[in-house]
Amino acid sequence: MDGAIGAGESKEHTRTAGISRKTNETDIQLKFGVDGTGQAVIETDVPFLNHMLDLFTKHGQFDLTVKAKGDVDIDDHHTVEDIGICLGQTLREALGDKKGIKRYASVFIPMDEALAQVVIDVSNRPHFEYRASYPSARVGTFDTELVHEFLWKLALEARITLHVIVHYGQNTHHMIEAVFKALGRALDEATSIDPRVTGVPSTKGVL
């Protein structure tokens, strides 16, 4: 991992990790704690993403610090994508051997008229399915197509199976907000420790 620091290796360890990643397009420092209290310190050049990451952190009861600078004079694409990469890598590192986790979760979240569903398998098999059609191509200056880029890179780097379905809605902001809240809740449930689980929750004996 690029500049990885810290890791949780099992349920006996603190499940946290951090990364510093610098390219010609972005400069990102990110720290992620699975077993947090919903504390978020988010400083990026993409205000709408800041809002969504704050919601994700609060509703997942994680701890997340992100400081990111990117070439937003071009557009927000590289910054959003690279934060997804960094979050995915730190999530994977923090979970370590995944012993004792529940592994699966399915969560529905309403946001006024909108309804989103997120289904997760912490499987070590990266896969992403996305079913969403937004009324608007932008929320403020934020391109809604970047939601896909963020989630896909998160799933890929975390090596999780992630299904995201926006069942309906009329307000694009509400629909995306429901997605990030559901993502936080589902990831919290899937990564939580189940005392009944011995080892990893797989007949293969490894995740």
Protein backbone atom coordinates (compact mmCIF):
# COMPACT_ATOMS: atom_id res chain seq x y z
CA MET A 1 0.00 0.00 0.00
CA ASP A 2 1.25 3.52 -0.78
CA GLY A 3 2.63 4.92 2.46
CA ALA A 4 0.44 2.71 4.68
CA ILE A 5 0.71 3.21 8.42
CA GLY A 6 -0.91 1.14 11.13
CA ALA A 7 -3.27 -1.79 10.83
CA GLY A 8 -5.66 -3.94 12.81
CA GLU A 9 -4.91 -7.62 12.33
CA SER A 10 -7.68 -9.27 14.31
CA LYS A 11 -10.53 -8.50 16.65
CA GLU A 12 -8.04 -8.20 19.53
CA HIS A 13 -6.33 -5.27 17.82
CA THR A 14 -7.46 -1.70 17.33
CA ARG A 15 -8.94 -1.71 13.86
CA THR A 16 -7.43 1.44 12.43
CA ALA A 17 -5.21 2.29 9.48
CA GLY A 18 -3.87 5.32 7.67
CA ILE A 19 -2.37 6.22 4.34
CA SER A 20 -0.50 9.06 2.71
CA ARG A 21 -0.83 9.06 -1.07
CA LYS A 22 0.60 11.68 -3.40
CA THR A 23 0.39 11.71 -7.18
CA ASN A 24 0.66 14.37 -9.86
CA GLU A 25 -3.11 14.86 -9.49
CA THR A 26 -3.83 14.58 -5.75
CA ASP A 27 -2.23 14.74 -2.32
CA ILE A 28 -4.20 12.81 0.31
CA GLN A 29 -3.72 11.92 3.97
CA LEU A 30 -6.42 9.66 5.37
CA LYS A 31 -6.95 7.83 8.66
CA PHE A 32 -9.83 5.43 9.25
CA GLY A 33 -11.03 3.69 12.41
CA VAL A 34 -13.64 0.94 12.18
CA ASP A 35 -14.58 1.04 15.87
CA GLY A 36 -15.07 4.75 16.31
CA THR A 37 -17.60 7.22 17.64
CA GLY A 38 -18.66 8.99 14.46
CA GLN A 39 -15.94 11.63 14.55
CA ALA A 40 -15.11 13.14 11.15
CA VAL A 41 -12.48 15.69 10.19
CA ILE A 42 -12.91 16.20 6.46
CA GLU A 43 -10.93 18.79 4.52
CA THR A 44 -11.10 18.41 0.74
CA ASP A 45 -11.65 20.70 -2.24
CA VAL A 46 -15.01 19.02 -2.95
CA PRO A 47 -17.66 20.40 -0.54
CA PHE A 48 -20.42 17.96 -1.46
CA LEU A 49 -18.09 15.00 -0.90
CA ASN A 50 -17.13 16.48 2.47
CA HIS A 51 -20.80 16.43 3.41
CA MET A 52 -21.29 12.85 2.22
CA LEU A 53 -18.18 11.56 4.04
CA ASP A 54 -19.35 13.26 7.22
CA LEU A 55 -22.71 11.46 6.93
CA PHE A 56 -21.01 8.13 6.16
CA THR A 57 -18.78 8.48 9.22
CA LYS A 58 -21.53 9.56 11.60
CA HIS A 59 -24.01 6.88 10.62
CA GLY A 60 -21.36 4.15 10.52
CA GLN A 61 -19.90 5.17 13.89
CA PHE A 62 -16.43 5.25 12.37
CA ASP A 63 -13.62 7.73 12.90
CA LEU A 64 -12.37 9.36 9.72
CA THR A 65 -9.81 12.05 9.01
CA VAL A 66 -9.28 13.16 5.41
CA LYS A 67 -7.07 15.96 4.17
CA ALA A 68 -6.98 16.14 0.38
CA LYS A 69 -5.84 18.55 -2.28
CA GLY A 70 -6.42 17.87 -5.95
CA ASP A 71 -6.58 19.31 -9.44
CA VAL A 72 -10.15 20.54 -9.05
CA ASP A 73 -9.35 23.32 -11.51
CA ILE A 74 -9.82 20.54 -14.09
CA ASP A 75 -12.72 18.85 -12.30
CA ASP A 76 -13.44 16.87 -9.12
CA HIS A 77 -12.86 13.45 -10.69
CA HIS A 78 -9.32 12.69 -9.54
CA THR A 79 -9.91 13.90 -6.00
CA VAL A 80 -13.11 11.90 -5.52
CA GLU A 81 -11.67 8.78 -7.13
CA ASP A 82 -8.42 8.88 -5.15
CA ILE A 83 -10.20 9.39 -1.83
CA GLY A 84 -12.26 6.28 -2.67
CA ILE A 85 -9.00 4.40 -3.33
CA CYS A 86 -7.46 5.56 -0.05
CA LEU A 87 -10.57 4.78 2.00
CA GLY A 88 -10.80 1.32 0.46
CA GLN A 89 -7.14 0.54 1.17
CA THR A 90 -7.34 1.69 4.78
CA LEU A 91 -10.56 -0.24 5.36
CA ARG A 92 -8.96 -3.43 4.08
CA GLU A 93 -5.85 -2.84 6.19
CA ALA A 94 -7.83 -2.01 9.32
CA LEU A 95 -9.90 -5.20 9.11
CA GLY A 96 -6.81 -7.35 9.04
CA ASP A 97 -7.63 -11.08 9.09
CA LYS A 98 -11.37 -10.32 9.51
CA LYS A 99 -11.77 -12.80 12.36
CA GLY A 100 -15.11 -12.59 14.11
CA ILE A 101 -16.83 -10.16 11.74
CA LYS A 102 -20.44 -10.57 10.67
CA ARG A 103 -19.31 -10.20 7.01
CA TYR A 104 -22.75 -9.50 5.47
CA ALA A 105 -25.19 -6.61 5.77
CA SER A 106 -28.20 -5.20 3.95
CA VAL A 107 -29.54 -1.78 4.89
CA PHE A 108 -32.38 0.39 3.58
CA ILE A 109 -32.25 4.11 4.37
CA PRO A 110 -34.98 6.65 3.52
CA MET A 111 -34.22 10.33 3.03
CA ASP A 112 -37.58 12.05 2.73
CA GLU A 113 -38.95 10.85 -0.64
CA ALA A 114 -35.81 8.87 -1.56
CA LEU A 115 -34.99 5.26 -0.66
CA ALA A 116 -31.55 3.68 -1.01
CA GLN A 117 -30.33 0.17 -0.28
CA VAL A 118 -26.75 -0.96 0.29
CA VAL A 119 -25.79 -4.64 0.48
CA ILE A 120 -22.26 -5.65 1.49
CA ASP A 121 -20.20 -8.82 1.64
CA VAL A 122 -16.72 -8.36 3.13
CA SER A 123 -15.61 -11.20 0.90
CA ASN A 124 -12.09 -10.41 -0.36
CA ARG A 125 -13.71 -10.57 -3.80
CA PRO A 126 -14.14 -7.06 -5.20
CA HIS A 127 -17.38 -6.58 -7.09
CA PHE A 128 -19.64 -3.57 -7.57
CA GLU A 129 -23.22 -3.31 -8.79
CA TYR A 130 -24.88 0.09 -9.05
CA ARG A 131 -28.49 0.82 -9.85
CA ALA A 132 -29.22 4.54 -9.66
CA SER A 133 -30.78 7.11 -11.96
CA TYR A 134 -30.67 10.70 -10.74
CA PRO A 135 -32.95 13.52 -11.91
CA SER A 136 -30.01 15.93 -12.12
CA ALA A 137 -26.51 15.51 -13.50
CA ARG A 138 -25.15 17.79 -10.80
CA VAL A 139 -25.71 18.75 -7.18
CA GLY A 140 -24.29 22.23 -7.02
CA THR A 141 -20.92 21.83 -8.75
CA PHE A 142 -20.66 18.11 -7.98
CA ASP A 143 -21.09 15.67 -10.90
CA THR A 144 -23.40 12.85 -9.82
CA GLU A 145 -21.49 10.34 -11.99
CA LEU A 146 -18.66 10.67 -9.44
CA VAL A 147 -20.73 8.74 -6.90
CA HIS A 148 -20.16 5.67 -9.05
CA GLU A 149 -16.43 6.36 -9.30
CA PHE A 150 -16.06 6.75 -5.55
CA LEU A 151 -18.04 3.63 -4.65
CA TRP A 152 -16.41 1.46 -7.31
CA LYS A 153 -12.89 2.37 -6.20
CA LEU A 154 -13.86 1.84 -2.55
CA ALA A 155 -15.17 -1.65 -3.31
CA LEU A 156 -12.18 -2.51 -5.49
CA GLU A 157 -9.51 -1.44 -3.01
CA ALA A 158 -11.31 -2.76 0.07
CA ARG A 159 -11.92 -6.03 -1.79
CA ILE A 160 -15.59 -6.13 -0.85
CA THR A 161 -18.72 -7.00 -2.78
CA LEU A 162 -20.89 -3.89 -2.84
CA HIS A 163 -24.40 -3.54 -4.27
CA VAL A 164 -26.00 -0.09 -4.26
CA ILE A 165 -29.60 0.43 -5.33
CA VAL A 166 -31.50 3.70 -5.30
CA HIS A 167 -35.08 2.48 -5.50
CA TYR A 168 -36.67 5.87 -6.09
CA GLY A 169 -36.50 9.56 -5.33
CA GLN A 170 -37.10 13.00 -6.78
CA ASN A 171 -34.35 15.09 -5.23
CA THR A 172 -30.83 14.15 -6.31
CA HIS A 173 -29.24 15.42 -3.11
CA HIS A 174 -31.61 13.31 -1.02
CA MET A 175 -30.96 10.21 -3.13
CA ILE A 176 -27.17 10.44 -2.84
CA GLU A 177 -27.41 11.28 0.85
CA ALA A 178 -29.46 8.13 1.42
CA VAL A 179 -26.75 6.11 -0.34
CA PHE A 180 -23.94 7.38 1.90
CA LYS A 181 -25.98 6.93 5.07
CA ALA A 182 -26.87 3.38 4.03
CA LEU A 183 -23.22 2.70 3.16
CA GLY A 184 -22.14 3.74 6.64
CA ARG A 185 -24.80 1.66 8.37
CA ALA A 186 -24.20 -1.42 6.22
CA LEU A 187 -20.43 -1.29 6.55
CA ASP A 188 -20.74 -0.86 10.32
CA GLU A 189 -22.94 -3.94 10.55
CA ALA A 190 -20.83 -6.09 8.21
CA THR A 191 -17.58 -5.27 10.03
CA SER A 192 -18.97 -5.57 13.55
CA ILE A 193 -17.74 -8.42 15.73
CA ASP A 194 -20.12 -11.31 16.39
CA PRO A 195 -18.99 -13.19 19.54
CA ARG A 196 -20.54 -16.38 18.17
CA VAL A 197 -18.16 -16.42 15.20
CA THR A 198 -15.03 -18.51 15.62
CA GLY A 199 -12.32 -17.51 13.18
CA VAL A 200 -13.62 -16.04 9.93
CA PRO A 201 -17.21 -16.45 8.72
CA SER A 202 -16.38 -18.68 5.75
CA THR A 203 -16.37 -22.43 5.17
CA LYS A 204 -13.10 -21.87 3.29
CA GLY A 205 -11.44 -20.81 6.52
CA VAL A 206 -10.13 -17.57 5.06
CA LEU A 207 -11.49 -14.31 3.66
